[in-house]
Amino acid sequence: MTKEKLWQIYVEKNPSFNGAGNVTLSAKGLRKLFDTTWDIAYFDGEEEIDRDINYNPTSGSVNDLMKIFGMK
């Protein structure tokens, strides 16, 4: 799945994400965003056979998340 396809899924479920203004998420909205990401990754993702995969994220935020979840 491409990054653009994933974004379209978010926008379909949350049309306000496609605007130019600020978006504020409630705790419930953040959970919905997380659940959507999880569902897409679970059903459309690929199983990781090798646990020593070398991740090369393109975003500093991804590095931060990986550290929080013990993936780095």
Protein backbone atom coordinates (compact mmCIF):
# COMPACT_ATOMS: atom_id res chain seq x y z
CA MET A 1 0.00 0.00 0.00
CA THR A 2 1.27 3.43 -0.84
CA LYS A 3 1.46 6.39 1.50
CA GLU A 4 -1.12 8.21 -0.66
CA LYS A 5 -3.56 5.27 -0.49
CA LEU A 6 -3.29 5.21 3.30
CA TRP A 7 -3.90 8.97 3.42
CA GLN A 8 -7.04 8.55 1.27
CA ILE A 9 -8.36 5.99 3.75
CA TYR A 10 -7.85 8.50 6.58
CA VAL A 11 -9.54 11.28 4.61
CA GLU A 12 -12.52 9.07 3.76
CA LYS A 13 -13.06 8.36 7.46
CA ASN A 14 -12.15 11.90 8.59
CA PRO A 15 -12.99 14.45 5.86
CA SER A 16 -11.71 17.36 7.99
CA PHE A 17 -8.17 16.00 7.51
CA ASN A 18 -8.27 17.10 3.88
CA GLY A 19 -8.70 20.80 4.70
CA ALA A 20 -6.09 23.51 5.12
CA GLY A 21 -6.99 24.40 8.72
CA ASN A 22 -6.01 22.91 12.03
CA VAL A 23 -7.48 19.62 13.20
CA THR A 24 -7.99 18.87 16.86
CA LEU A 25 -8.33 15.26 17.93
CA SER A 26 -10.14 14.15 21.03
CA ALA A 27 -8.92 11.06 22.87
CA LYS A 28 -11.67 9.14 21.05
CA GLY A 29 -10.54 10.57 17.69
CA LEU A 30 -6.92 9.68 18.36
CA ARG A 31 -7.98 6.14 19.24
CA LYS A 32 -9.97 5.94 15.99
CA LEU A 33 -6.88 7.07 14.06
CA PHE A 34 -4.76 4.44 15.83
CA ASP A 35 -7.34 1.70 15.25
CA THR A 36 -7.58 2.59 11.56
CA THR A 37 -3.80 2.41 11.20
CA TRP A 38 -3.70 -0.91 13.05
CA ASP A 39 -6.48 -2.43 10.95
CA ILE A 40 -4.86 -1.37 7.69
CA ALA A 41 -1.45 -2.66 8.75
CA TYR A 42 -2.91 -5.92 10.06
CA PHE A 43 -5.08 -6.72 7.06
CA ASP A 44 -3.00 -5.19 4.25
CA GLY A 45 0.49 -5.49 5.71
CA GLU A 46 3.04 -8.23 5.22
CA GLU A 47 4.20 -10.60 7.90
CA GLU A 48 7.71 -9.91 9.17
CA ILE A 49 9.67 -13.12 9.08
CA ASP A 50 13.01 -11.61 10.08
CA ARG A 51 12.85 -9.79 13.44
CA ASP A 52 16.22 -8.13 12.72
CA ILE A 53 14.86 -6.02 9.87
CA ASN A 54 16.81 -2.80 9.41
CA TYR A 55 14.22 -0.02 9.59
CA ASN A 56 15.10 3.15 7.70
CA PRO A 57 12.26 5.56 8.42
CA THR A 58 12.23 8.85 6.57
CA SER A 59 10.80 10.82 9.48
CA GLY A 60 12.29 11.78 12.84
CA SER A 61 8.86 11.20 14.34
CA VAL A 62 8.97 7.57 13.24
CA ASN A 63 12.33 7.19 14.98
CA ASP A 64 10.82 8.63 18.16
CA LEU A 65 7.88 6.22 18.04
CA MET A 66 10.18 3.28 17.39
CA LYS A 67 12.20 4.21 20.48
CA ILE A 68 9.05 4.49 22.60
CA PHE A 69 7.91 1.03 21.55
CA GLY A 70 11.35 -0.56 21.95
CA MET A 71 11.91 -1.14 18.27
CA LYS A 72 15.19 0.73 18.18
